[in-house]
Amino acid sequence: MIVTLSAVALFGVLTVVLIRSRYIGPVPALAVFLFGFFTADTGAANAVRTAFRAVIDAVHHLA
């Protein structure tokens, strides 16, 4: 749960920075947000969480 909340905070800050720097606009950011939101409600959510945990574990073992 801690990793999930940290990822949400990280991606939220990244989105705000990208919008404020005008690298992306609010409409593409909203589209990506909604894609992620609806993906989390599908069967793909478990695969995404598993892949994310594998990456976190790999990074942890490198350090």
Protein backbone atom coordinates (compact mmCIF):
# COMPACT_ATOMS: atom_id res chain seq x y z
CA MET A 1 0.00 0.00 0.00
CA ILE A 2 2.84 2.41 0.78
CA VAL A 3 4.37 1.86 -2.66
CA THR A 4 1.01 2.49 -4.30
CA LEU A 5 0.47 5.77 -2.47
CA SER A 6 4.01 6.85 -3.26
CA ALA A 7 3.49 6.06 -6.94
CA VAL A 8 0.26 8.03 -6.98
CA ALA A 9 1.98 11.02 -5.38
CA LEU A 10 4.95 10.75 -7.77
CA PHE A 11 2.82 10.56 -10.90
CA GLY A 12 0.53 13.30 -9.63
CA VAL A 13 3.46 15.66 -9.11
CA LEU A 14 4.92 14.67 -12.49
CA THR A 15 1.61 15.43 -14.19
CA VAL A 16 1.36 18.85 -12.53
CA VAL A 17 4.94 19.68 -13.53
CA LEU A 18 4.36 18.62 -17.14
CA ILE A 19 1.16 20.67 -17.38
CA ARG A 20 2.70 23.77 -15.77
CA SER A 21 5.77 23.57 -18.02
CA ARG A 22 3.41 23.38 -21.01
CA TYR A 23 5.07 20.16 -22.14
CA ILE A 24 1.60 18.61 -22.31
CA GLY A 25 -1.79 20.22 -22.17
CA PRO A 26 -4.63 19.56 -19.79
CA VAL A 27 -6.66 17.52 -22.30
CA PRO A 28 -3.90 14.93 -23.01
CA ALA A 29 -3.17 14.76 -19.27
CA LEU A 30 -6.85 14.11 -18.59
CA ALA A 31 -6.93 11.42 -21.27
CA VAL A 32 -3.92 9.65 -19.72
CA PHE A 33 -5.44 9.96 -16.25
CA LEU A 34 -8.74 8.48 -17.39
CA PHE A 35 -6.94 5.68 -19.25
CA GLY A 36 -5.10 4.76 -16.06
CA PHE A 37 -8.25 5.06 -13.98
CA PHE A 38 -10.26 2.76 -16.21
CA THR A 39 -7.34 0.35 -16.66
CA ALA A 40 -7.21 -0.05 -12.89
CA ASP A 41 -10.78 -1.31 -13.00
CA THR A 42 -10.02 -4.08 -15.53
CA GLY A 43 -8.26 -7.41 -15.39
CA ALA A 44 -5.07 -5.66 -16.50
CA ALA A 45 -4.78 -3.95 -13.12
CA ASN A 46 -3.29 -7.03 -11.47
CA ALA A 47 -0.70 -7.42 -14.23
CA VAL A 48 0.26 -3.75 -13.98
CA ARG A 49 0.64 -3.98 -10.19
CA THR A 50 2.74 -7.15 -10.51
CA ALA A 51 5.02 -5.56 -13.11
CA PHE A 52 5.38 -2.41 -11.00
CA ARG A 53 6.27 -4.46 -7.91
CA ALA A 54 8.85 -6.40 -9.94
CA VAL A 55 10.48 -3.15 -11.05
CA ILE A 56 10.48 -1.82 -7.46
CA ASP A 57 12.06 -5.07 -6.21
CA ALA A 58 14.68 -4.98 -8.96
CA VAL A 59 15.61 -1.39 -8.11
CA HIS A 60 15.71 -2.26 -4.42
CA HIS A 61 18.12 -5.14 -5.07
CA LEU A 62 20.40 -2.91 -7.15
CA ALA A 63 20.88 -0.42 -4.34
